[in-house]
Amino acid sequence: MQRQGPLAGIHVLDLTRLYPGAYATLLLADLGADVVKVEDRDRGDYLRDLDGGGQFEALNRGKRSLAIDLKSPRGSALLRRLCARVDVLVEGFRPGVLDKLGCGPRTLVEENPRLVVCSLTGYGQDGPWAGRAGHDIGYVALAGVLARNGFGEAPVLPGVQIADFAGGSLQAVIGILAALYERERTGRGRAIDISMCEGAMQFLIPHLGTLATGQAPQVRGDDVLSGSRPCYRVYACGDGGAVALGALEPKFWSAFCAAVGEPGWEPRGFDPSLAPEVDALFRTASRDEWVSRLQPVDCCLEPVLEPKELQGHPQHRARGAFLPGGNLRSQPALSPPASGRAPRLGEHSVEVLREHGLSQEEIAGMRAARAIG
């Protein structure tokens, strides 16, 4: 495929399912890489079956699909053959699965010294938790991130997949780009071990730094950025909407107090006891009324947008954040986004195998043996 962007000419095999690997390779595709999604011959990525396929479409646009039965000898041998002509392989199997197929990450790099293999798992390739199954809720729990969310006795789930996307996908892309840059200098690729749990743990660097100085741990919901302080808090409005106020600095809080006619609040921006009074104030008008009144004041107030409202916001429209059809354009936007719909299962199997030098007879034989679909 002819692609544009910083990664034009880079060929990627994506063996992953669901969110983390799909978003990582979407970022690579939007940066210009040719991404071939290697899927199970019979079922494919589980995302194809969720919510009418909308999630699969959003995360896999512009990629191609090659359907292989990796458990068959011919299928695993085909994967090894493909790795001789690509730059990056991204996989999300449990540790040891590819080794049993004769396609372990280190084996592939030894056979193809320029290959970058990124293994993206919940807990990493080693340690007592390496083989455990998991989901985002468990990764953020073990990372200590979940404990920081909410107020009171039990933590509250964030509502988005932090470990999957930020702890997994973004960390994987950083590792892949670094390895490709290193390959330009040394001529050699490497195996990369990404743990979504450890990636999520990076969000605790400020908190862990505080603990390292010997200070006592903060009670959940009691720190400045948790929403307990009136100057930095989400407020429900009279129409059921909400606004987010981030007036941490004195100049912003002062501007807010003046705009709402409450100069006596100015010394109390960090006083939790003031929060109920500010809560009551915001319930006297609708979200959009407060936005219209306070955004010109420059006090760091924004509406809490629902996902369905995002495309209509002028900032998102001006930045071209959305593609035609409503899918989000991934960032960084350094090149034209990967165009085209998400592939049908096995849609490009013959096309990809021909590009990799397989003859029509070889392809026909693999199809007859049900090694490809």
Protein backbone atom coordinates (compact mmCIF):
# COMPACT_ATOMS: atom_id res chain seq x y z
CA MET A 1 0.00 0.00 0.00
CA GLN A 2 1.17 3.51 -0.80
CA ARG A 3 1.06 5.51 2.41
CA GLN A 4 2.21 8.96 3.45
CA GLY A 5 3.74 10.11 6.69
CA PRO A 6 6.81 9.65 8.89
CA LEU A 7 6.39 5.86 8.93
CA ALA A 8 5.75 5.40 5.21
CA GLY A 9 7.54 2.23 4.10
CA ILE A 10 7.27 0.58 7.52
CA HIS A 11 5.36 -2.72 7.45
CA VAL A 12 3.57 -3.94 10.57
CA LEU A 13 1.95 -7.26 11.43
CA ASP A 14 -0.71 -6.92 14.14
CA LEU A 15 -1.54 -10.21 15.90
CA THR A 16 -3.56 -8.59 18.70
CA ARG A 17 -7.25 -8.54 19.59
CA LEU A 18 -9.54 -6.04 21.28
CA TYR A 19 -8.37 -2.56 22.33
CA PRO A 20 -4.68 -2.15 23.27
CA GLY A 21 -2.95 -3.55 20.21
CA ALA A 22 -5.58 -2.23 17.83
CA TYR A 23 -5.14 1.35 19.04
CA ALA A 24 -1.35 1.05 19.02
CA THR A 25 -1.32 -0.09 15.40
CA LEU A 26 -3.96 2.51 14.47
CA LEU A 27 -1.51 5.17 15.64
CA LEU A 28 1.22 3.55 13.53
CA ALA A 29 -1.14 3.43 10.54
CA ASP A 30 -2.03 7.09 10.93
CA LEU A 31 1.69 7.85 10.95
CA GLY A 32 2.00 6.15 7.58
CA ALA A 33 2.79 2.49 8.34
CA ASP A 34 1.19 -0.33 6.38
CA VAL A 35 -0.60 -2.44 9.01
CA VAL A 36 -1.74 -5.96 8.26
CA LYS A 37 -4.08 -7.36 10.89
CA VAL A 38 -3.37 -11.08 11.30
CA GLU A 39 -6.61 -12.66 12.55
CA ASP A 40 -7.83 -16.10 13.48
CA ARG A 41 -9.14 -17.74 10.33
CA ASP A 42 -12.54 -18.65 11.75
CA ARG A 43 -13.57 -15.90 14.16
CA GLY A 44 -11.20 -12.98 13.80
CA ASP A 45 -10.92 -10.17 16.32
CA TYR A 46 -13.60 -10.37 19.02
CA LEU A 47 -14.33 -6.67 18.47
CA ARG A 48 -16.03 -7.59 15.19
CA ASP A 49 -18.94 -8.98 17.24
CA LEU A 50 -19.37 -6.04 19.66
CA ASP A 51 -21.84 -3.16 19.30
CA GLY A 52 -22.55 -3.81 15.66
CA GLY A 53 -18.89 -3.58 14.72
CA GLY A 54 -18.58 0.15 15.37
CA GLN A 55 -15.67 -0.27 17.78
CA PHE A 56 -13.84 -2.53 15.34
CA GLU A 57 -14.35 -0.01 12.55
CA ALA A 58 -13.04 2.87 14.66
CA LEU A 59 -9.88 1.04 15.75
CA ASN A 60 -9.04 -0.77 12.51
CA ARG A 61 -9.77 1.64 9.69
CA GLY A 62 -7.12 1.73 6.99
CA LYS A 63 -5.64 -1.67 7.91
CA ARG A 64 -5.65 -4.90 5.92
CA SER A 65 -6.74 -8.33 7.16
CA LEU A 66 -4.90 -11.61 6.72
CA ALA A 67 -6.68 -14.66 8.17
CA ILE A 68 -4.35 -17.47 9.33
CA ASP A 69 -4.76 -20.57 11.47
CA LEU A 70 -1.63 -20.05 13.56
CA LYS A 71 -2.19 -23.33 15.39
CA SER A 72 -1.63 -25.29 12.19
CA PRO A 73 1.99 -26.09 11.22
CA ARG A 74 1.56 -24.37 7.87
CA GLY A 75 0.04 -21.32 9.52
CA SER A 76 2.83 -20.85 12.05
CA ALA A 77 5.43 -21.47 9.34
CA LEU A 78 3.73 -18.81 7.23
CA LEU A 79 3.97 -16.30 10.07
CA ARG A 80 7.70 -16.91 10.37
CA ARG A 81 8.03 -16.41 6.63
CA LEU A 82 6.14 -13.12 6.74
CA CYS A 83 8.38 -11.83 9.54
CA ALA A 84 11.34 -11.95 7.20
CA ARG A 85 9.86 -9.07 5.20
CA VAL A 86 8.24 -6.80 7.78
CA ASP A 87 9.60 -4.25 10.23
CA VAL A 88 7.35 -4.65 13.26
CA LEU A 89 5.23 -7.40 14.80
CA VAL A 90 2.81 -6.55 17.61
CA GLU A 91 1.38 -9.45 19.64
CA GLY A 92 -0.82 -9.71 22.70
CA PHE A 93 -0.88 -13.42 23.51
CA ARG A 94 -0.15 -14.68 27.00
CA PRO A 95 3.59 -15.21 27.53
CA GLY A 96 4.76 -18.47 26.02
CA VAL A 97 1.94 -18.95 23.51
CA LEU A 98 3.98 -17.93 20.49
CA ASP A 99 6.94 -19.96 21.77
CA LYS A 100 4.78 -23.08 21.66
CA LEU A 101 4.07 -22.31 17.99
CA GLY A 102 7.78 -21.91 17.25
CA CYS A 103 7.31 -18.15 16.80
CA GLY A 104 8.47 -16.75 20.13
CA PRO A 105 9.47 -13.07 20.15
CA ARG A 106 13.16 -13.73 20.79
CA THR A 107 13.23 -16.51 18.19
CA LEU A 108 11.74 -14.19 15.59
CA VAL A 109 14.28 -11.45 16.34
CA GLU A 110 17.14 -13.94 16.19
CA GLU A 111 15.94 -15.15 12.80
CA ASN A 112 15.25 -11.60 11.55
CA PRO A 113 17.78 -9.25 13.19
CA ARG A 114 16.07 -6.09 11.91
CA LEU A 115 12.65 -7.08 13.24
CA VAL A 116 11.01 -5.23 16.14
CA VAL A 117 8.65 -7.46 18.13
CA CYS A 118 6.38 -5.75 20.66
CA SER A 119 4.70 -8.03 23.20
CA LEU A 120 1.76 -6.25 24.83
CA THR A 121 0.31 -8.03 27.87
CA GLY A 122 -1.37 -7.25 31.16
CA TYR A 123 1.51 -8.01 33.51
CA GLY A 124 4.57 -8.46 31.28
CA GLN A 125 6.56 -11.45 30.09
CA ASP A 126 7.86 -12.59 33.47
CA GLY A 127 7.07 -12.49 37.18
CA PRO A 128 4.50 -14.55 39.11
CA TRP A 129 1.55 -12.70 37.49
CA ALA A 130 2.79 -13.03 33.89
CA GLY A 131 0.39 -15.80 32.89
CA ARG A 132 -2.70 -14.36 34.54
CA ALA A 133 -5.73 -13.32 32.51
CA GLY A 134 -6.99 -9.83 33.17
CA HIS A 135 -8.83 -6.71 32.09
CA ASP A 136 -8.37 -3.00 32.63
CA ILE A 137 -10.11 -3.04 36.01
CA GLY A 138 -7.52 -5.47 37.39
CA TYR A 139 -4.53 -3.71 35.85
CA VAL A 140 -5.44 -0.30 37.32
CA ALA A 141 -6.21 -1.98 40.64
CA LEU A 142 -2.80 -3.62 40.88
CA ALA A 143 -1.15 -0.44 39.59
CA GLY A 144 -2.51 1.63 42.48
CA VAL A 145 -4.37 3.91 40.06
CA LEU A 146 -7.85 2.72 40.98
CA ALA A 147 -7.25 3.56 44.64
CA ARG A 148 -6.92 7.24 43.72
CA ASN A 149 -10.40 7.53 42.13
CA GLY A 150 -13.52 8.67 43.91
CA PHE A 151 -14.39 9.55 47.49
CA GLY A 152 -15.14 7.57 50.59
CA GLU A 153 -14.88 3.87 51.24
CA ALA A 154 -14.73 2.25 47.80
CA PRO A 155 -12.84 3.54 44.75
CA VAL A 156 -14.77 4.43 41.59
CA LEU A 157 -13.95 3.09 38.14
CA PRO A 158 -12.65 5.83 35.81
CA GLY A 159 -15.15 5.04 33.01
CA VAL A 160 -12.47 4.71 30.32
CA GLN A 161 -9.80 2.07 29.81
CA ILE A 162 -6.69 3.71 31.28
CA ALA A 163 -4.41 0.67 31.32
CA ASP A 164 -5.49 -0.54 27.88
CA PHE A 165 -4.98 2.71 26.01
CA ALA A 166 -2.55 4.84 28.00
CA GLY A 167 -0.70 2.11 29.90
CA GLY A 168 -0.65 -0.28 26.95
CA SER A 169 -1.17 1.27 23.53
CA LEU A 170 0.80 4.48 24.06
CA GLN A 171 3.65 2.76 25.88
CA ALA A 172 3.83 0.22 23.04
CA VAL A 173 4.02 2.91 20.38
CA ILE A 174 6.76 4.74 22.29
CA GLY A 175 8.75 1.51 22.54
CA ILE A 176 8.26 0.67 18.87
CA LEU A 177 9.28 4.12 17.66
CA ALA A 178 12.36 4.07 19.91
CA ALA A 179 13.33 0.62 18.65
CA LEU A 180 12.94 1.70 15.01
CA TYR A 181 15.12 4.74 15.68
CA GLU A 182 17.71 2.53 17.37
CA ARG A 183 17.63 0.20 14.36
CA GLU A 184 18.58 3.11 12.12
CA ARG A 185 21.78 3.49 14.14
CA THR A 186 22.63 -0.14 14.86
CA GLY A 187 20.90 -2.11 12.12
CA ARG A 188 19.25 -4.35 14.70
CA GLY A 189 15.73 -4.64 16.02
CA ARG A 190 14.72 -5.93 19.44
CA ALA A 191 11.97 -7.59 21.47
CA ILE A 192 9.92 -5.14 23.55
CA ASP A 193 8.05 -6.20 26.71
CA ILE A 194 5.08 -3.91 27.53
CA SER A 195 3.02 -4.41 30.70
CA MET A 196 -0.28 -2.54 30.77
CA CYS A 197 -0.23 -2.64 34.57
CA GLU A 198 3.22 -1.05 34.73
CA GLY A 199 2.22 1.47 32.08
CA ALA A 200 -0.77 2.56 34.16
CA MET A 201 1.50 2.82 37.20
CA GLN A 202 3.31 5.71 35.50
CA PHE A 203 0.37 7.94 36.41
CA LEU A 204 1.37 7.62 40.05
CA ILE A 205 4.83 9.14 39.63
CA PRO A 206 3.86 12.39 41.46
CA HIS A 207 2.16 10.48 44.30
CA LEU A 208 5.04 8.04 44.67
CA GLY A 209 7.45 10.96 44.69
CA THR A 210 5.56 12.41 47.65
CA LEU A 211 5.74 9.09 49.50
CA ALA A 212 9.47 8.86 48.77
CA THR A 213 10.01 12.04 50.79
CA GLY A 214 8.51 10.36 53.85
CA GLN A 215 5.18 12.16 53.80
CA ALA A 216 2.03 10.33 54.85
CA PRO A 217 -0.19 8.91 52.08
CA GLN A 218 -3.07 11.14 51.07
CA VAL A 219 -6.58 9.98 51.87
CA ARG A 220 -8.53 9.13 48.72
CA GLY A 221 -10.52 12.14 47.60
CA ASP A 222 -8.73 14.57 49.88
CA ASP A 223 -5.94 15.87 47.66
CA VAL A 224 -6.20 19.13 45.74
CA LEU A 225 -6.84 17.53 42.33
CA SER A 226 -9.48 15.05 43.51
CA GLY A 227 -12.43 17.45 43.41
CA SER A 228 -12.62 18.12 47.13
CA ARG A 229 -11.54 21.77 46.75
CA PRO A 230 -14.06 24.28 45.40
CA CYS A 231 -11.55 25.83 42.99
CA TYR A 232 -10.97 22.48 41.24
CA ARG A 233 -14.21 20.58 41.04
CA VAL A 234 -17.00 19.29 38.80
CA TYR A 235 -20.34 20.97 39.42
CA ALA A 236 -23.83 19.74 38.53
CA CYS A 237 -25.99 22.38 36.92
CA GLY A 238 -29.70 23.06 37.02
CA ASP A 239 -30.51 21.26 33.76
CA GLY A 240 -28.68 18.02 34.60
CA GLY A 241 -25.52 19.06 32.79
CA ALA A 242 -22.20 19.78 34.46
CA VAL A 243 -19.21 22.08 34.26
CA ALA A 244 -15.58 21.56 35.23
CA LEU A 245 -13.89 24.40 37.09
CA GLY A 246 -10.09 24.35 37.21
CA ALA A 247 -9.35 27.69 38.86
CA LEU A 248 -6.29 26.50 40.80
CA GLU A 249 -4.22 29.64 40.43
CA PRO A 250 -5.30 32.67 42.50
CA LYS A 251 -5.89 34.87 39.45
CA PHE A 252 -8.37 32.39 37.97
CA TRP A 253 -10.21 31.82 41.26
CA SER A 254 -10.34 35.56 41.87
CA ALA A 255 -11.83 36.10 38.40
CA PHE A 256 -14.43 33.42 39.08
CA CYS A 257 -15.45 34.91 42.45
CA ALA A 258 -15.81 38.36 40.91
CA ALA A 259 -17.85 37.04 37.99
CA VAL A 260 -20.37 35.25 40.23
CA GLY A 261 -20.62 38.18 42.64
CA GLU A 262 -19.03 36.41 45.61
CA PRO A 263 -15.82 38.31 46.48
CA GLY A 264 -15.96 36.87 49.99
CA TRP A 265 -15.12 33.44 48.55
CA GLU A 266 -11.73 34.57 47.29
CA PRO A 267 -9.68 33.46 50.35
CA ARG A 268 -11.48 30.10 50.45
CA GLY A 269 -10.60 28.50 47.12
CA PHE A 270 -8.97 25.53 48.83
CA ASP A 271 -11.46 25.26 51.70
CA PRO A 272 -13.55 22.06 51.31
CA SER A 273 -16.29 23.53 53.50
CA LEU A 274 -17.06 26.07 50.76
CA ALA A 275 -17.86 23.39 48.18
CA PRO A 276 -21.56 22.97 49.15
CA GLU A 277 -22.16 26.70 48.68
CA VAL A 278 -20.61 26.66 45.21
CA ASP A 279 -22.57 23.49 44.43
CA ALA A 280 -25.79 25.32 45.25
CA LEU A 281 -24.82 28.28 43.08
CA PHE A 282 -24.24 26.19 39.96
CA ARG A 283 -27.63 24.48 40.35
CA THR A 284 -29.35 27.82 39.79
CA ALA A 285 -28.70 27.82 36.03
CA SER A 286 -28.12 25.45 33.14
CA ARG A 287 -24.73 24.21 31.95
CA ASP A 288 -24.78 26.32 28.81
CA GLU A 289 -25.85 29.41 30.73
CA TRP A 290 -22.85 29.05 33.04
CA VAL A 291 -20.53 28.45 30.08
CA SER A 292 -21.83 31.55 28.31
CA ARG A 293 -21.38 33.60 31.47
CA LEU A 294 -18.01 32.35 32.70
CA GLN A 295 -15.91 31.30 29.71
CA PRO A 296 -15.25 34.92 28.67
CA VAL A 297 -13.94 35.55 32.20
CA ASP A 298 -10.93 33.25 31.67
CA CYS A 299 -11.35 31.29 34.89
CA CYS A 300 -10.66 27.81 33.44
CA LEU A 301 -14.26 26.66 33.23
CA GLU A 302 -15.40 24.19 30.57
CA PRO A 303 -18.60 22.27 29.89
CA VAL A 304 -18.61 18.55 30.64
CA LEU A 305 -19.40 17.28 27.15
CA GLU A 306 -21.14 14.00 26.43
CA PRO A 307 -19.50 11.89 23.68
CA LYS A 308 -22.35 12.68 21.28
CA GLU A 309 -21.57 16.41 21.62
CA LEU A 310 -17.88 16.23 20.73
CA GLN A 311 -18.16 16.62 16.96
CA GLY A 312 -20.16 19.81 17.34
CA HIS A 313 -17.65 21.62 19.55
CA PRO A 314 -15.90 24.44 17.65
CA GLN A 315 -12.43 23.56 18.96
CA HIS A 316 -12.71 19.94 17.81
CA ARG A 317 -14.12 21.04 14.44
CA ALA A 318 -11.35 23.57 13.90
CA ARG A 319 -8.68 20.98 14.69
CA GLY A 320 -10.19 18.37 12.37
CA ALA A 321 -10.40 15.91 15.25
CA PHE A 322 -13.03 13.80 13.50
CA LEU A 323 -13.00 12.01 10.17
CA PRO A 324 -15.98 11.87 7.81
CA GLY A 325 -18.40 9.35 9.26
CA GLY A 326 -17.65 10.27 12.87
CA ASN A 327 -14.54 8.28 13.75
CA LEU A 328 -11.87 10.03 15.74
CA ARG A 329 -8.59 10.94 14.13
CA SER A 330 -5.75 9.57 16.24
CA GLN A 331 -2.96 11.78 17.52
CA PRO A 332 -0.31 12.91 16.87
CA ALA A 333 -1.68 14.09 13.51
CA LEU A 334 1.67 14.23 11.72
CA SER A 335 0.32 12.80 8.47
CA PRO A 336 -2.95 12.11 6.66
CA PRO A 337 -4.94 9.56 8.66
CA ALA A 338 -5.17 6.00 7.42
CA SER A 339 -8.04 6.10 4.94
CA GLY A 340 -10.60 3.48 4.12
CA ARG A 341 -12.93 1.30 6.14
CA ALA A 342 -11.87 -1.47 8.47
CA PRO A 343 -11.21 -4.74 6.59
CA ARG A 344 -13.48 -7.75 6.36
CA LEU A 345 -12.02 -10.88 7.92
CA GLY A 346 -9.33 -12.26 5.60
CA GLU A 347 -10.16 -9.71 2.93
CA HIS A 348 -6.53 -9.14 1.96
CA SER A 349 -5.09 -12.60 2.56
CA VAL A 350 -4.22 -13.31 -1.09
CA GLU A 351 -3.04 -9.75 -1.73
CA VAL A 352 -0.69 -9.73 1.27
CA LEU A 353 0.73 -13.19 0.58
CA ARG A 354 1.46 -12.28 -3.04
CA GLU A 355 3.32 -9.20 -1.82
CA HIS A 356 5.41 -11.49 0.36
CA GLY A 357 6.43 -13.62 -2.59
CA LEU A 358 4.11 -16.61 -2.25
CA SER A 359 3.09 -18.22 -5.53
CA GLN A 360 -0.48 -18.85 -6.57
CA GLU A 361 0.12 -22.56 -6.04
CA GLU A 362 1.39 -22.03 -2.50
CA ILE A 363 -1.59 -19.85 -1.65
CA ALA A 364 -4.01 -22.38 -3.11
CA GLY A 365 -2.37 -25.15 -1.11
CA MET A 366 -2.65 -23.21 2.13
CA ARG A 367 -6.27 -22.44 1.44
CA ALA A 368 -6.98 -26.11 0.70
CA ALA A 369 -5.28 -27.06 3.98
CA ARG A 370 -7.36 -24.39 5.76
CA ALA A 371 -4.19 -22.70 6.99
CA ILE A 372 -5.50 -19.35 5.68
CA GLY A 373 -8.93 -17.92 5.13
